[in-house]
């Protein structure tokens, strides 16, 4: 069930991102976040959330014998796609508490 939810999220978010990139380009997605405090708050929230996820991902990857650097780089370059694909490729028996 969790894998299905991740796949659905990845497909829908990928489609939304593809349309956004097609319509406004990469800078068109990023630049509006610097035009108002409200938009800046949304960007700051995303940065905080992804940073927290990268810290968790770093520890989880190390604990499960995976190299965290490709996932960190993907998160920095592609945003939420990095964590989504990381979770999707994480083996079920890798779950450490």
N, C-alpha and C. Protein backbone atom coordinates (compact mmCIF):
# COMPACT_ATOMS: atom_id res chain seq x y z
N UNK A 1 0.82 -1.21 0.00
CA UNK A 1 0.00 0.00 0.00
C UNK A 1 0.86 1.26 0.00
N UNK A 2 1.91 1.26 0.83
CA UNK A 2 2.77 2.45 0.88
C UNK A 2 3.48 2.66 -0.45
N UNK A 3 3.95 1.57 -1.07
CA UNK A 3 4.63 1.68 -2.36
C UNK A 3 3.66 2.23 -3.42
N UNK A 4 2.42 1.76 -3.39
CA UNK A 4 1.41 2.25 -4.33
C UNK A 4 1.18 3.74 -4.14
N UNK A 5 1.08 4.18 -2.91
CA UNK A 5 0.89 5.60 -2.62
C UNK A 5 2.09 6.42 -3.10
N UNK A 6 3.30 5.89 -2.91
CA UNK A 6 4.49 6.59 -3.39
C UNK A 6 4.50 6.69 -4.92
N UNK A 7 4.13 5.62 -5.60
CA UNK A 7 4.10 5.63 -7.06
C UNK A 7 3.06 6.63 -7.56
N UNK A 8 1.88 6.62 -6.97
CA UNK A 8 0.83 7.57 -7.37
C UNK A 8 1.29 9.01 -7.14
N UNK A 9 1.89 9.25 -5.98
CA UNK A 9 2.39 10.59 -5.67
C UNK A 9 3.46 11.01 -6.66
N UNK A 10 4.38 10.11 -6.96
CA UNK A 10 5.47 10.41 -7.90
C UNK A 10 4.92 10.71 -9.30
N UNK A 11 3.95 9.94 -9.74
CA UNK A 11 3.37 10.16 -11.07
C UNK A 11 2.61 11.50 -11.12
N UNK A 12 1.77 11.76 -10.13
CA UNK A 12 1.00 13.01 -10.14
C UNK A 12 1.90 14.23 -9.97
N UNK A 13 2.87 14.15 -9.05
CA UNK A 13 3.79 15.26 -8.85
C UNK A 13 4.68 15.45 -10.07
N UNK A 14 5.07 14.35 -10.69
CA UNK A 14 5.87 14.43 -11.92
C UNK A 14 5.10 15.11 -13.04
N UNK A 15 3.83 14.78 -13.18
CA UNK A 15 3.00 15.40 -14.21
C UNK A 15 2.84 16.90 -13.94
N UNK A 16 2.56 17.26 -12.68
CA UNK A 16 2.45 18.67 -12.32
C UNK A 16 3.74 19.41 -12.60
N UNK A 17 4.85 18.81 -12.23
CA UNK A 17 6.16 19.44 -12.46
C UNK A 17 6.46 19.58 -13.94
N UNK A 18 6.11 18.58 -14.73
CA UNK A 18 6.35 18.64 -16.17
C UNK A 18 5.56 19.77 -16.80
N UNK A 19 4.31 19.92 -16.42
CA UNK A 19 3.49 21.02 -16.96
C UNK A 19 4.06 22.37 -16.53
N UNK A 20 4.45 22.48 -15.27
CA UNK A 20 5.02 23.74 -14.78
C UNK A 20 6.30 24.08 -15.52
N UNK A 21 7.17 23.10 -15.71
CA UNK A 21 8.42 23.34 -16.45
C UNK A 21 8.14 23.73 -17.90
N UNK A 22 7.16 23.08 -18.49
CA UNK A 22 6.82 23.37 -19.87
C UNK A 22 6.27 24.80 -20.01
N UNK A 23 5.45 25.22 -19.05
CA UNK A 23 4.83 26.54 -19.14
C UNK A 23 5.76 27.69 -18.76
N UNK A 24 6.54 27.52 -17.68
CA UNK A 24 7.32 28.66 -17.18
C UNK A 24 8.81 28.41 -17.06
N UNK A 25 9.26 27.17 -17.22
CA UNK A 25 10.68 26.86 -17.10
C UNK A 25 11.13 26.79 -15.64
N UNK A 26 12.38 26.36 -15.46
CA UNK A 26 12.91 26.16 -14.11
C UNK A 26 12.95 27.46 -13.32
N UNK A 27 13.45 28.52 -13.94
CA UNK A 27 13.50 29.82 -13.24
C UNK A 27 12.12 30.38 -12.97
N UNK A 28 11.18 30.09 -13.85
CA UNK A 28 9.81 30.54 -13.65
C UNK A 28 9.15 29.90 -12.45
N UNK A 29 9.62 28.72 -12.08
CA UNK A 29 9.12 28.06 -10.87
C UNK A 29 9.77 28.68 -9.64
N UNK A 30 11.05 28.99 -9.72
CA UNK A 30 11.81 29.45 -8.56
C UNK A 30 11.65 30.95 -8.27
N UNK A 31 11.73 31.79 -9.28
CA UNK A 31 11.77 33.24 -9.07
C UNK A 31 10.56 33.84 -8.36
N UNK A 32 9.35 33.37 -8.59
CA UNK A 32 8.21 33.98 -7.88
C UNK A 32 8.32 33.90 -6.35
N UNK A 33 9.10 32.98 -5.85
CA UNK A 33 9.24 32.84 -4.40
C UNK A 33 10.04 33.98 -3.77
N UNK A 34 10.63 34.82 -4.59
CA UNK A 34 11.39 35.96 -4.09
C UNK A 34 10.64 37.27 -4.29
N UNK A 35 9.37 37.21 -4.68
CA UNK A 35 8.62 38.40 -4.98
C UNK A 35 7.69 38.86 -3.87
N UNK A 36 7.47 38.03 -2.86
CA UNK A 36 6.65 38.44 -1.73
C UNK A 36 7.05 37.63 -0.50
N UNK A 37 6.69 38.14 0.66
CA UNK A 37 7.01 37.42 1.89
C UNK A 37 6.21 36.11 1.98
N UNK A 38 4.98 36.13 1.48
CA UNK A 38 4.17 34.91 1.50
C UNK A 38 4.80 33.81 0.65
N UNK A 39 5.22 34.16 -0.54
CA UNK A 39 5.87 33.18 -1.41
C UNK A 39 7.21 32.76 -0.84
N UNK A 40 7.92 33.69 -0.22
CA UNK A 40 9.19 33.37 0.43
C UNK A 40 9.00 32.40 1.58
N UNK A 41 7.89 32.55 2.30
CA UNK A 41 7.60 31.64 3.41
C UNK A 41 7.39 30.23 2.89
N UNK A 42 6.72 30.08 1.76
CA UNK A 42 6.50 28.76 1.17
C UNK A 42 7.84 28.13 0.77
N UNK A 43 8.72 28.92 0.18
CA UNK A 43 10.04 28.42 -0.19
C UNK A 43 10.84 28.03 1.06
N UNK A 44 10.82 28.86 2.08
CA UNK A 44 11.54 28.55 3.33
C UNK A 44 11.00 27.27 3.95
N UNK A 45 9.68 27.09 3.94
CA UNK A 45 9.07 25.87 4.48
C UNK A 45 9.56 24.65 3.71
N UNK A 46 9.60 24.75 2.39
CA UNK A 46 10.07 23.64 1.56
C UNK A 46 11.54 23.32 1.85
N UNK A 47 12.35 24.35 1.98
CA UNK A 47 13.78 24.15 2.27
C UNK A 47 13.95 23.48 3.63
N UNK A 48 13.21 23.92 4.64
CA UNK A 48 13.29 23.32 5.97
C UNK A 48 12.86 21.86 5.92
N UNK A 49 11.73 21.58 5.29
CA UNK A 49 11.22 20.21 5.22
C UNK A 49 12.20 19.29 4.48
N UNK A 50 12.73 19.75 3.35
CA UNK A 50 13.66 18.91 2.60
C UNK A 50 14.98 18.74 3.33
N UNK A 51 15.42 19.76 4.05
CA UNK A 51 16.64 19.63 4.85
C UNK A 51 16.45 18.59 5.95
N UNK A 52 15.33 18.63 6.63
CA UNK A 52 15.04 17.62 7.65
C UNK A 52 15.00 16.22 7.04
N UNK A 53 14.40 16.12 5.86
CA UNK A 53 14.34 14.81 5.20
C UNK A 53 15.73 14.35 4.79
N UNK A 54 16.58 15.28 4.32
CA UNK A 54 17.93 14.89 3.93
C UNK A 54 18.74 14.39 5.13
N UNK A 55 18.54 15.00 6.30
CA UNK A 55 19.22 14.53 7.51
C UNK A 55 18.75 13.11 7.83
N UNK A 56 17.44 12.87 7.79
CA UNK A 56 16.93 11.53 8.04
C UNK A 56 17.45 10.56 6.98
N UNK A 57 17.42 10.99 5.71
CA UNK A 57 17.84 10.14 4.62
C UNK A 57 19.32 9.77 4.77
N UNK A 58 20.14 10.71 5.19
CA UNK A 58 21.56 10.47 5.41
C UNK A 58 21.74 9.34 6.44
N UNK A 59 21.08 9.47 7.58
CA UNK A 59 21.20 8.46 8.64
C UNK A 59 20.63 7.11 8.19
N UNK A 60 19.49 7.14 7.51
CA UNK A 60 18.87 5.91 7.05
C UNK A 60 19.73 5.22 6.00
N UNK A 61 20.28 5.97 5.07
CA UNK A 61 21.13 5.39 4.03
C UNK A 61 22.37 4.75 4.65
N UNK A 62 22.99 5.44 5.58
CA UNK A 62 24.17 4.89 6.26
C UNK A 62 23.81 3.62 7.02
N UNK A 63 22.67 3.62 7.70
CA UNK A 63 22.25 2.46 8.50
C UNK A 63 21.91 1.25 7.63
N UNK A 64 21.50 1.49 6.39
CA UNK A 64 21.11 0.39 5.51
C UNK A 64 22.16 0.07 4.45
N UNK A 65 23.33 0.70 4.56
CA UNK A 65 24.42 0.40 3.64
C UNK A 65 24.31 1.04 2.28
N UNK A 66 23.55 2.09 2.17
CA UNK A 66 23.40 2.80 0.89
C UNK A 66 24.24 4.07 0.91
N UNK A 67 24.65 4.49 -0.26
CA UNK A 67 25.39 5.74 -0.41
C UNK A 67 24.39 6.90 -0.38
N UNK A 68 24.48 7.81 0.59
CA UNK A 68 23.49 8.88 0.67
C UNK A 68 23.70 10.00 -0.34
N UNK A 69 24.91 10.15 -0.88
CA UNK A 69 25.22 11.31 -1.73
C UNK A 69 24.36 11.45 -2.98
N UNK A 70 24.08 10.38 -3.72
CA UNK A 70 23.20 10.57 -4.89
C UNK A 70 21.82 11.09 -4.50
N UNK A 71 21.32 10.65 -3.35
CA UNK A 71 19.99 11.06 -2.90
C UNK A 71 20.00 12.50 -2.40
N UNK A 72 21.07 12.90 -1.74
CA UNK A 72 21.22 14.29 -1.29
C UNK A 72 21.30 15.20 -2.52
N UNK A 73 22.14 14.81 -3.49
CA UNK A 73 22.28 15.61 -4.72
C UNK A 73 20.96 15.71 -5.47
N UNK A 74 20.24 14.59 -5.57
CA UNK A 74 18.95 14.60 -6.26
C UNK A 74 17.95 15.51 -5.55
N UNK A 75 17.97 15.52 -4.22
CA UNK A 75 17.06 16.38 -3.46
C UNK A 75 17.40 17.84 -3.67
N UNK A 76 18.68 18.17 -3.67
CA UNK A 76 19.09 19.56 -3.89
C UNK A 76 18.74 20.02 -5.30
N UNK A 77 18.95 19.15 -6.28
CA UNK A 77 18.70 19.53 -7.68
C UNK A 77 17.24 19.42 -8.10
N UNK A 78 16.53 18.41 -7.56
CA UNK A 78 15.20 18.10 -8.05
C UNK A 78 14.10 18.23 -7.00
N UNK A 79 14.45 18.68 -5.81
CA UNK A 79 13.44 18.86 -4.76
C UNK A 79 12.89 17.54 -4.27
N UNK A 80 11.59 17.45 -4.19
CA UNK A 80 10.92 16.30 -3.59
C UNK A 80 11.08 15.00 -4.38
N UNK A 81 11.55 15.09 -5.61
CA UNK A 81 11.77 13.87 -6.38
C UNK A 81 12.84 12.99 -5.72
N UNK A 82 13.86 13.61 -5.14
CA UNK A 82 14.91 12.83 -4.47
C UNK A 82 14.36 11.96 -3.35
N UNK A 83 13.66 12.55 -2.37
CA UNK A 83 13.09 11.73 -1.30
C UNK A 83 12.05 10.73 -1.78
N UNK A 84 11.23 11.11 -2.75
CA UNK A 84 10.21 10.18 -3.24
C UNK A 84 10.84 8.95 -3.86
N UNK A 85 11.85 9.14 -4.69
CA UNK A 85 12.51 7.99 -5.33
C UNK A 85 13.31 7.20 -4.30
N UNK A 86 13.93 7.90 -3.33
CA UNK A 86 14.64 7.19 -2.26
C UNK A 86 13.69 6.24 -1.53
N UNK A 87 12.54 6.75 -1.13
CA UNK A 87 11.57 5.92 -0.43
C UNK A 87 11.05 4.79 -1.31
N UNK A 88 10.88 5.06 -2.59
CA UNK A 88 10.38 4.04 -3.51
C UNK A 88 11.40 2.92 -3.71
N UNK A 89 12.68 3.25 -3.69
CA UNK A 89 13.72 2.24 -3.92
C UNK A 89 14.22 1.61 -2.63
N UNK A 90 13.70 2.05 -1.52
CA UNK A 90 14.11 1.51 -0.22
C UNK A 90 13.49 0.12 -0.05
N UNK A 91 14.32 -0.85 0.27
CA UNK A 91 13.82 -2.21 0.44
C UNK A 91 12.95 -2.31 1.69
N UNK A 92 11.94 -3.16 1.62
CA UNK A 92 11.01 -3.32 2.76
C UNK A 92 11.73 -3.78 4.01
N UNK A 93 12.77 -4.61 3.85
CA UNK A 93 13.47 -5.10 5.04
C UNK A 93 14.54 -4.13 5.52
N UNK A 94 14.70 -2.98 4.85
CA UNK A 94 15.65 -1.95 5.27
C UNK A 94 15.08 -1.08 6.37
N UNK A 95 13.82 -1.27 6.71
CA UNK A 95 13.17 -0.38 7.68
C UNK A 95 13.79 -0.55 9.06
N UNK A 96 14.52 0.48 9.46
CA UNK A 96 15.13 0.47 10.78
C UNK A 96 14.45 1.55 11.63
N UNK A 97 14.23 1.26 12.87
CA UNK A 97 13.54 2.21 13.75
C UNK A 97 14.53 2.95 14.60
